[in-house]
Every structure is written in C-alpha cells, then in structure tokens.
Amino acid sequence: HGIFVDKENNVWIADARGAPGRGHQVYKFSQDGELLMSLGVAGVAAEGRTTFNAPSDVLIAPNGDIFVVDGHGARGNNRVVKFNGDGEFIKAWGKTGYGPGEFRDPHALAMDSQGRLFVGDRANSRIQIFTQDGEHIATWTQFGRPSGLYIDANDILYCADSESNATWAGNPGWKRGIRIGSAKGGWITGFIPDPEPDQDNAGTTAAEGVAADATGNIYGAEVGPRMLRKYVKK
C-alpha cells in the first residue's frame, strides 16, 4: 500500500492487506529484491509494539529511524509507530478521534527539510504535522483530503486528493486532484484537477500516490484507473 526508497536505495513496502500467514507487515528490500527486514507479524492484525493492523505507509528519516502509519481505515489502529533503524520499537502516538494528535485513517507520510513529519489524516480531511517525537506542531486543511504526500528537496509539498466531494467519504465542495504548495508556509501554488469524472458517488478515482522528480515532473499513482500518469512541467 505504501512505498519508500531510503538514501541507500533500499525499498520499503507497507503491506496493508492481510491473509493467513501474510500481510499486516512492513518490508525492507535491497535493490536486488533481497528481503532485509520485516516488521509486524505475518497475518496478524493487532495493536502492539510488534504488530500492525493494515499499515498504510512507511518513511525512513535521515538518521535511519522508521515511521509507519497504522492502519488503513478510520476504524483501524489510527496511530504513528516509530522504530529505530534496527527495527526496535521506540514509541507510538495517536488514537481514533478528531483532535490534535488523533487520527481517522492515517494514510500517508512525508518529511520536510526541517525533519518535521507530515501525516495525511485522510478521513479527517487534513494534514497533521509533528516533531519526530510525536509533538503536534500544526494542522492544515487547505490541501484537501490527503491520500498521498510527497515533499521534494525544495520543500514543495504535493498532496494527492482522491476522495473529496464523495458522498461515501466527505469533504464536500472540494475538487479531487493533486495540490501543490509550500511545506514551509502551507500556501497552495498549483492544482492538477482529477482527470476522471468527479462524481459524488464515484469511488477512488485518480491519484492516491504522488511523487515528483528533480526537474519538476509530477507522477500520480491512480488506483481506480490502475495506471501511472505523468504531468510534465512547462
């Protein structure tokens, strides 16, 4: 469900689905696909120091600490879990709710140049910003209902909103698409509208995942259409 490439080019995967003997885990792979580390217990959905319930995303801090948003769905664990680089549990924060430091479907992670942790609190239609120790810094609602987050080297924040204005989801009146802005001040500077029909009764339509390359091209991982779409900077 989530993917992150660390500074050593290891590939981290959050497996949010579960079945007997598999899933509900976070994996670390080498560039060649060798499994280097597993977090969580295969097939076990629970809330604990060594277990997840549908982890949605994973991020590796510059110092090697591991952050996981756990889990997918507003009725899940609704927390952020922090481990050291060896996979040893450090702490967790968050619970189901609407207040600062509470979550409903924490769905995405990003980190800015200051080391602040951005959490896409999707079912609450907001981004929450924390220190790496879990201290709440700010809450932003101007980026819509975040399914995916990405922050580039220039602290430009990209937010994929795949659920706004849906009767089954919430955030009425907001258009779906990719919002672009400043991770420093929070100002919106651009918007790429959802290329698919924006109907109230539609399911997930366009980009849930989002990333950008060094030249400013933007990539949307589209779950509904099952495709990758590239937007070229002009």
C-alpha atoms as a PDB file:
ATOM      1  CA  HIS A   1       0.000   0.000   0.000  1.00  0.00           C
ATOM      2  CA  GLY A   2       2.910   2.385   0.619  1.00  0.00           C
ATOM      3  CA  ILE A   3       6.427   2.585  -0.775  1.00  0.00           C
ATOM      4  CA  PHE A   4       9.582   4.488   0.217  1.00  0.00           C
ATOM      5  CA  VAL A   5      13.143   4.417  -1.106  1.00  0.00           C
ATOM      6  CA  ASP A   6      15.756   5.334   1.516  1.00  0.00           C
ATOM      7  CA  LYS A   7      19.098   7.105   0.993  1.00  0.00           C
ATOM      8  CA  GLU A   8      20.835   3.749   0.464  1.00  0.00           C
ATOM      9  CA  ASN A   9      18.266   2.868  -2.238  1.00  0.00           C
ATOM     10  CA  ASN A  10      16.634   0.164  -0.159  1.00  0.00           C
ATOM     11  CA  VAL A  11      12.946  -0.240  -0.982  1.00  0.00           C
ATOM     12  CA  TRP A  12      10.412  -0.258   1.851  1.00  0.00           C
ATOM     13  CA  ILE A  13       6.881  -1.586   1.361  1.00  0.00           C
ATOM     14  CA  ALA A  14       3.837  -1.292   3.639  1.00  0.00           C
ATOM     15  CA  ASP A  15       1.554  -4.302   3.129  1.00  0.00           C
ATOM     16  CA  ALA A  16      -1.892  -3.190   4.298  1.00  0.00           C
ATOM     17  CA  ARG A  17      -3.713  -6.391   3.368  1.00  0.00           C
ATOM     18  CA  GLY A  18      -3.841  -9.493   5.495  1.00  0.00           C
ATOM     19  CA  ALA A  19      -4.461 -13.190   4.987  1.00  0.00           C
ATOM     20  CA  PRO A  20      -3.460 -16.290   6.958  1.00  0.00           C
ATOM     21  CA  GLY A  21       0.313 -16.181   7.294  1.00  0.00           C
ATOM     22  CA  ARG A  22       0.895 -12.997   5.345  1.00  0.00           C
ATOM     23  CA  GLY A  23       0.260  -9.261   5.336  1.00  0.00           C
ATOM     24  CA  HIS A  24      -0.062  -6.576   8.038  1.00  0.00           C
ATOM     25  CA  GLN A  25       3.686  -6.014   7.746  1.00  0.00           C
ATOM     26  CA  VAL A  26       6.375  -3.588   6.577  1.00  0.00           C
ATOM     27  CA  TYR A  27       9.237  -4.975   4.498  1.00  0.00           C
ATOM     28  CA  LYS A  28      12.702  -3.698   3.642  1.00  0.00           C
ATOM     29  CA  PHE A  29      14.225  -4.943   0.384  1.00  0.00           C
ATOM     30  CA  SER A  30      17.617  -4.399  -1.223  1.00  0.00           C
ATOM     31  CA  GLN A  31      17.813  -3.010  -4.757  1.00  0.00           C
ATOM     32  CA  ASP A  32      18.028  -6.623  -5.943  1.00  0.00           C
ATOM     33  CA  GLY A  33      14.868  -7.673  -4.129  1.00  0.00           C
ATOM     34  CA  GLU A  34      16.500  -9.422  -1.177  1.00  0.00           C
ATOM     35  CA  LEU A  35      14.338  -9.203   1.944  1.00  0.00           C
ATOM     36  CA  LEU A  36      16.434  -7.455   4.605  1.00  0.00           C
ATOM     37  CA  MET A  37      13.892  -6.787   7.367  1.00  0.00           C
ATOM     38  CA  SER A  38      10.259  -7.425   8.276  1.00  0.00           C
ATOM     39  CA  LEU A  39       8.247  -5.508  10.855  1.00  0.00           C
ATOM     40  CA  GLY A  40       4.963  -6.814  12.186  1.00  0.00           C
ATOM     41  CA  VAL A  41       3.726 -10.385  12.474  1.00  0.00           C
ATOM     42  CA  ALA A  42       2.637 -12.061   9.243  1.00  0.00           C
ATOM     43  CA  GLY A  43      -1.138 -12.333   9.017  1.00  0.00           C
ATOM     44  CA  VAL A  44      -1.758 -10.883  12.490  1.00  0.00           C
ATOM     45  CA  ALA A  45      -3.867  -7.716  12.741  1.00  0.00           C
ATOM     46  CA  ALA A  46      -3.406  -6.165  16.178  1.00  0.00           C
ATOM     47  CA  GLU A  47      -2.210  -3.082  18.029  1.00  0.00           C
ATOM     48  CA  GLY A  48       1.071  -3.585  19.835  1.00  0.00           C
ATOM     49  CA  ARG A  49       4.802  -2.928  19.826  1.00  0.00           C
ATOM     50  CA  THR A  50       5.412  -5.659  17.231  1.00  0.00           C
ATOM     51  CA  THR A  51       2.086  -5.779  15.357  1.00  0.00           C
ATOM     52  CA  PHE A  52       0.126  -3.641  12.894  1.00  0.00           C
ATOM     53  CA  ASN A  53      -3.404  -3.581  11.580  1.00  0.00           C
ATOM     54  CA  ALA A  54      -3.172  -2.680   7.878  1.00  0.00           C
ATOM     55  CA  PRO A  55      -0.188  -0.289   7.814  1.00  0.00           C
ATOM     56  CA  SER A  56      -0.718   2.324   5.083  1.00  0.00           C
ATOM     57  CA  ASP A  57       2.689   3.928   4.584  1.00  0.00           C
ATOM     58  CA  VAL A  58       6.311   3.900   5.717  1.00  0.00           C
ATOM     59  CA  LEU A  59       9.030   6.578   5.814  1.00  0.00           C
ATOM     60  CA  ILE A  60      12.708   6.450   6.772  1.00  0.00           C
ATOM     61  CA  ALA A  61      14.182   9.541   8.447  1.00  0.00           C
ATOM     62  CA  PRO A  62      17.701  10.736   7.534  1.00  0.00           C
ATOM     63  CA  ASN A  63      19.057   9.161  10.748  1.00  0.00           C
ATOM     64  CA  GLY A  64      17.525   5.788   9.841  1.00  0.00           C
ATOM     65  CA  ASP A  65      14.513   5.863  12.171  1.00  0.00           C
ATOM     66  CA  ILE A  66      11.431   4.161  10.728  1.00  0.00           C
ATOM     67  CA  PHE A  67       7.948   5.691  10.805  1.00  0.00           C
ATOM     68  CA  VAL A  68       4.786   3.764   9.972  1.00  0.00           C
ATOM     69  CA  VAL A  69       1.192   5.000   9.781  1.00  0.00           C
ATOM     70  CA  ASP A  70      -1.012   2.218  11.128  1.00  0.00           C
ATOM     71  CA  GLY A  71      -3.604   1.411   9.932  1.00  0.00           C
ATOM     72  CA  HIS A  72      -5.805   1.722   6.892  1.00  0.00           C
ATOM     73  CA  GLY A  73      -9.434   2.672   7.535  1.00  0.00           C
ATOM     74  CA  ALA A  74     -10.997   5.031  10.063  1.00  0.00           C
ATOM     75  CA  ARG A  75     -11.737   2.142  12.448  1.00  0.00           C
ATOM     76  CA  GLY A  76      -8.170   0.833  12.464  1.00  0.00           C
ATOM     77  CA  ASN A  77      -5.345   1.487  14.911  1.00  0.00           C
ATOM     78  CA  ASN A  78      -5.086   5.167  13.923  1.00  0.00           C
ATOM     79  CA  ARG A  79      -1.550   5.774  15.131  1.00  0.00           C
ATOM     80  CA  VAL A  80       2.010   6.545  14.098  1.00  0.00           C
ATOM     81  CA  VAL A  81       4.637   3.999  15.137  1.00  0.00           C
ATOM     82  CA  LYS A  82       8.356   4.806  15.392  1.00  0.00           C
ATOM     83  CA  PHE A  83      11.231   2.300  15.311  1.00  0.00           C
ATOM     84  CA  ASN A  84      14.987   2.703  15.215  1.00  0.00           C
ATOM     85  CA  GLY A  85      16.989   1.630  12.184  1.00  0.00           C
ATOM     86  CA  ASP A  86      17.297  -1.909  13.548  1.00  0.00           C
ATOM     87  CA  GLY A  87      13.526  -2.245  13.739  1.00  0.00           C
ATOM     88  CA  GLU A  88      13.327  -1.888  17.527  1.00  0.00           C
ATOM     89  CA  PHE A  89      10.155  -0.207  18.827  1.00  0.00           C
ATOM     90  CA  ILE A  90      10.661   3.329  20.160  1.00  0.00           C
ATOM     91  CA  LYS A  91       7.174   4.747  20.615  1.00  0.00           C
ATOM     92  CA  ALA A  92       3.693   5.160  19.159  1.00  0.00           C
ATOM     93  CA  TRP A  93       1.249   8.031  19.274  1.00  0.00           C
ATOM     94  CA  GLY A  94      -2.321   8.689  18.240  1.00  0.00           C
ATOM     95  CA  LYS A  95      -5.779   7.220  18.680  1.00  0.00           C
ATOM     96  CA  THR A  96      -9.117   7.381  16.898  1.00  0.00           C
ATOM     97  CA  GLY A  97     -10.554  10.893  17.036  1.00  0.00           C
ATOM     98  CA  TYR A  98     -10.740  14.395  15.634  1.00  0.00           C
ATOM     99  CA  GLY A  99      -8.421  16.362  17.915  1.00  0.00           C
ATOM    100  CA  PRO A 100      -4.729  17.219  17.521  1.00  0.00           C
ATOM    101  CA  GLY A 101      -2.687  14.031  17.512  1.00  0.00           C
ATOM    102  CA  GLU A 102      -5.763  11.903  16.839  1.00  0.00           C
ATOM    103  CA  PHE A 103      -6.450  10.216  13.510  1.00  0.00           C
ATOM    104  CA  ARG A 104      -9.038   8.622  11.282  1.00  0.00           C
ATOM    105  CA  ASP A 105      -7.314   6.645   8.523  1.00  0.00           C
ATOM    106  CA  PRO A 106      -3.720   7.966   8.650  1.00  0.00           C
ATOM    107  CA  HIS A 107      -2.878   7.256   5.041  1.00  0.00           C
ATOM    108  CA  ALA A 108       0.419   8.918   4.026  1.00  0.00           C
ATOM    109  CA  LEU A 109       3.750  10.213   5.322  1.00  0.00           C
ATOM    110  CA  ALA A 110       6.296  12.823   4.216  1.00  0.00           C
ATOM    111  CA  MET A 111       9.176  14.697   5.870  1.00  0.00           C
ATOM    112  CA  ASP A 112      10.431  18.210   5.110  1.00  0.00           C
ATOM    113  CA  SER A 113      13.966  19.626   5.285  1.00  0.00           C
ATOM    114  CA  GLN A 114      13.418  20.606   8.924  1.00  0.00           C
ATOM    115  CA  GLY A 115      12.691  17.000   9.837  1.00  0.00           C
ATOM    116  CA  ARG A 116       9.013  17.659  10.507  1.00  0.00           C
ATOM    117  CA  LEU A 117       6.752  14.659   9.927  1.00  0.00           C
ATOM    118  CA  PHE A 118       3.663  15.268   7.771  1.00  0.00           C
ATOM    119  CA  VAL A 119       0.816  12.776   8.261  1.00  0.00           C
ATOM    120  CA  GLY A 120      -2.058  12.573   5.789  1.00  0.00           C
ATOM    121  CA  ASP A 121      -5.023  12.174   8.156  1.00  0.00           C
ATOM    122  CA  ARG A 122      -7.367  11.239   5.331  1.00  0.00           C
ATOM    123  CA  ALA A 123     -10.765  10.596   6.902  1.00  0.00           C
ATOM    124  CA  ASN A 124     -10.351  13.825   8.890  1.00  0.00           C
ATOM    125  CA  SER A 125      -9.565  15.692   5.617  1.00  0.00           C
ATOM    126  CA  ARG A 126      -6.365  17.240   6.924  1.00  0.00           C
ATOM    127  CA  ILE A 127      -2.599  17.038   7.229  1.00  0.00           C
ATOM    128  CA  GLN A 128      -1.126  16.955  10.720  1.00  0.00           C
ATOM    129  CA  ILE A 129       2.492  17.999  11.277  1.00  0.00           C
ATOM    130  CA  PHE A 130       4.598  16.585  14.121  1.00  0.00           C
ATOM    131  CA  THR A 131       8.093  16.544  15.502  1.00  0.00           C
ATOM    132  CA  GLN A 132       9.768  13.172  15.186  1.00  0.00           C
ATOM    133  CA  ASP A 133       8.902  12.556  18.838  1.00  0.00           C
ATOM    134  CA  GLY A 134       5.195  12.992  18.190  1.00  0.00           C
ATOM    135  CA  GLU A 135       4.689  16.567  19.381  1.00  0.00           C
ATOM    136  CA  HIS A 136       1.864  18.181  17.408  1.00  0.00           C
ATOM    137  CA  ILE A 137       3.005  21.302  15.520  1.00  0.00           C
ATOM    138  CA  ALA A 138       0.170  22.244  13.178  1.00  0.00           C
ATOM    139  CA  THR A 139      -2.938  21.060  11.338  1.00  0.00           C
ATOM    140  CA  TRP A 140      -3.544  22.025   7.701  1.00  0.00           C
ATOM    141  CA  THR A 141      -6.845  21.569   5.892  1.00  0.00           C
ATOM    142  CA  GLN A 142      -6.066  23.573   2.735  1.00  0.00           C
ATOM    143  CA  PHE A 143      -4.598  20.572   0.880  1.00  0.00           C
ATOM    144  CA  GLY A 144      -7.914  18.724   0.840  1.00  0.00           C
ATOM    145  CA  ARG A 145      -8.405  15.088   1.763  1.00  0.00           C
ATOM    146  CA  PRO A 146      -4.907  13.575   1.539  1.00  0.00           C
ATOM    147  CA  SER A 147      -4.391  10.102   0.148  1.00  0.00           C
ATOM    148  CA  GLY A 148      -0.715  10.614  -0.794  1.00  0.00           C
ATOM    149  CA  LEU A 149       2.022  13.060   0.227  1.00  0.00           C
ATOM    150  CA  TYR A 150       5.437  13.910  -1.189  1.00  0.00           C
ATOM    151  CA  ILE A 151       7.906  16.684  -0.271  1.00  0.00           C
ATOM    152  CA  ASP A 152      10.793  17.422  -2.626  1.00  0.00           C
ATOM    153  CA  ALA A 153      14.265  18.829  -1.921  1.00  0.00           C
ATOM    154  CA  ASN A 154      12.926  22.389  -2.232  1.00  0.00           C
ATOM    155  CA  ASP A 155      10.217  21.825   0.382  1.00  0.00           C
ATOM    156  CA  ILE A 156       7.460  21.766  -2.208  1.00  0.00           C
ATOM    157  CA  LEU A 157       4.571  19.698  -0.901  1.00  0.00           C
ATOM    158  CA  TYR A 158       2.497  17.551  -3.260  1.00  0.00           C
ATOM    159  CA  CYS A 159      -0.800  16.181  -1.967  1.00  0.00           C
ATOM    160  CA  ALA A 160      -2.964  13.678  -3.854  1.00  0.00           C
ATOM    161  CA  ASP A 161      -6.663  14.030  -3.032  1.00  0.00           C
ATOM    162  CA  SER A 162      -8.611  11.070  -4.426  1.00  0.00           C
ATOM    163  CA  GLU A 163     -11.711  11.178  -2.222  1.00  0.00           C
ATOM    164  CA  SER A 164     -13.054  14.720  -1.717  1.00  0.00           C
ATOM    165  CA  ASN A 165     -16.660  15.511  -2.583  1.00  0.00           C
ATOM    166  CA  ALA A 166     -17.799  11.897  -2.439  1.00  0.00           C
ATOM    167  CA  THR A 167     -20.974  11.065  -0.539  1.00  0.00           C
ATOM    168  CA  TRP A 168     -19.311   7.981   0.953  1.00  0.00           C
ATOM    169  CA  ALA A 169     -16.175   9.868   2.005  1.00  0.00           C
ATOM    170  CA  GLY A 170     -16.691  13.525   2.879  1.00  0.00           C
ATOM    171  CA  ASN A 171     -15.022  16.903   2.391  1.00  0.00           C
ATOM    172  CA  PRO A 172     -17.938  18.276   0.320  1.00  0.00           C
ATOM    173  CA  GLY A 173     -17.304  21.008  -2.219  1.00  0.00           C
ATOM    174  CA  TRP A 174     -13.599  20.222  -2.703  1.00  0.00           C
ATOM    175  CA  LYS A 175     -12.300  19.092  -6.065  1.00  0.00           C
ATOM    176  CA  ARG A 176     -10.172  15.976  -6.356  1.00  0.00           C
ATOM    177  CA  GLY A 177      -6.687  16.185  -7.778  1.00  0.00           C
ATOM    178  CA  ILE A 178      -3.080  16.952  -6.853  1.00  0.00           C
ATOM    179  CA  ARG A 179      -2.471  20.120  -4.836  1.00  0.00           C
ATOM    180  CA  ILE A 180       0.974  21.705  -4.882  1.00  0.00           C
ATOM    181  CA  GLY A 181       2.251  24.155  -2.288  1.00  0.00           C
ATOM    182  CA  SER A 182       4.831  25.130   0.272  1.00  0.00           C
ATOM    183  CA  ALA A 183       5.761  22.745   3.069  1.00  0.00           C
ATOM    184  CA  LYS A 184       7.155  25.759   4.912  1.00  0.00           C
ATOM    185  CA  GLY A 185       4.226  28.161   4.883  1.00  0.00           C
ATOM    186  CA  GLY A 186       1.384  26.000   3.665  1.00  0.00           C
ATOM    187  CA  TRP A 187       0.398  28.189   0.718  1.00  0.00           C
ATOM    188  CA  ILE A 188      -1.179  26.455  -2.284  1.00  0.00           C
ATOM    189  CA  THR A 189       0.611  27.352  -5.524  1.00  0.00           C
ATOM    190  CA  GLY A 190      -0.874  24.911  -8.024  1.00  0.00           C
ATOM    191  CA  PHE A 191      -3.587  22.353  -8.651  1.00  0.00           C
ATOM    192  CA  ILE A 192      -3.862  19.480 -11.123  1.00  0.00           C
ATOM    193  CA  PRO A 193      -7.546  18.516 -11.357  1.00  0.00           C
ATOM    194  CA  ASP A 194      -8.611  14.910 -11.330  1.00  0.00           C
ATOM    195  CA  PRO A 195      -8.739  13.755 -14.970  1.00  0.00           C
ATOM    196  CA  GLU A 196     -11.525  11.304 -14.179  1.00  0.00           C
ATOM    197  CA  PRO A 197     -15.205  12.266 -13.648  1.00  0.00           C
ATOM    198  CA  ASP A 198     -15.633  13.933 -10.253  1.00  0.00           C
ATOM    199  CA  GLN A 199     -18.970  12.435  -9.258  1.00  0.00           C
ATOM    200  CA  ASP A 200     -20.348  12.375  -5.750  1.00  0.00           C
ATOM    201  CA  ASN A 201     -20.992   8.646  -5.915  1.00  0.00           C
ATOM    202  CA  ALA A 202     -17.711   7.698  -7.589  1.00  0.00           C
ATOM    203  CA  GLY A 203     -15.115   5.585  -5.834  1.00  0.00           C
ATOM    204  CA  THR A 204     -11.411   6.346  -5.649  1.00  0.00           C
ATOM    205  CA  THR A 205     -10.737   7.977  -8.982  1.00  0.00           C
ATOM    206  CA  ALA A 206      -7.301   9.324  -9.792  1.00  0.00           C
ATOM    207  CA  ALA A 207      -4.035   9.660  -7.883  1.00  0.00           C
ATOM    208  CA  GLU A 208      -3.670   8.187  -4.407  1.00  0.00           C
ATOM    209  CA  GLY A 209       0.113   8.134  -4.579  1.00  0.00           C
ATOM    210  CA  VAL A 210       2.153  11.119  -5.748  1.00  0.00           C
ATOM    211  CA  ALA A 211       5.835  11.906  -6.364  1.00  0.00           C
ATOM    212  CA  ALA A 212       7.939  14.402  -8.307  1.00  0.00           C
ATOM    213  CA  ASP A 213      11.348  14.172  -9.956  1.00  0.00           C
ATOM    214  CA  ALA A 214      14.273  16.601  -9.851  1.00  0.00           C
ATOM    215  CA  THR A 215      13.062  18.516 -12.917  1.00  0.00           C
ATOM    216  CA  GLY A 216       9.583  19.108 -11.517  1.00  0.00           C
ATOM    217  CA  ASN A 217       7.623  16.445 -13.373  1.00  0.00           C
ATOM    218  CA  ILE A 218       4.826  15.003 -11.249  1.00  0.00           C
ATOM    219  CA  TYR A 219       3.654  11.393 -11.127  1.00  0.00           C
ATOM    220  CA  GLY A 220       0.253  10.210  -9.931  1.00  0.00           C
ATOM    221  CA  ALA A 221      -0.358   6.569  -8.996  1.00  0.00           C
ATOM    222  CA  GLU A 222      -4.006   6.094  -9.899  1.00  0.00           C
ATOM    223  CA  VAL A 223      -5.806   3.304  -8.064  1.00  0.00           C
ATOM    224  CA  GLY A 224      -9.189   3.464  -9.806  1.00  0.00           C
ATOM    225  CA  PRO A 225      -7.863   3.644 -13.398  1.00  0.00           C
ATOM    226  CA  ARG A 226      -4.954   1.331 -12.412  1.00  0.00           C
ATOM    227  CA  MET A 227      -2.319   3.402 -14.161  1.00  0.00           C
ATOM    228  CA  LEU A 228       0.593   5.786 -13.640  1.00  0.00           C
ATOM    229  CA  ARG A 229       0.128   9.289 -15.035  1.00  0.00           C
ATOM    230  CA  LYS A 230       2.973  11.737 -15.647  1.00  0.00           C
ATOM    231  CA  TYR A 231       2.493  15.521 -15.672  1.00  0.00           C
ATOM    232  CA  VAL A 232       5.261  17.421 -17.435  1.00  0.00           C
ATOM    233  CA  LYS A 233       6.317  20.792 -16.102  1.00  0.00           C
ATOM    234  CA  LYS A 234       6.063  23.598 -18.666  1.00  0.00           C
END
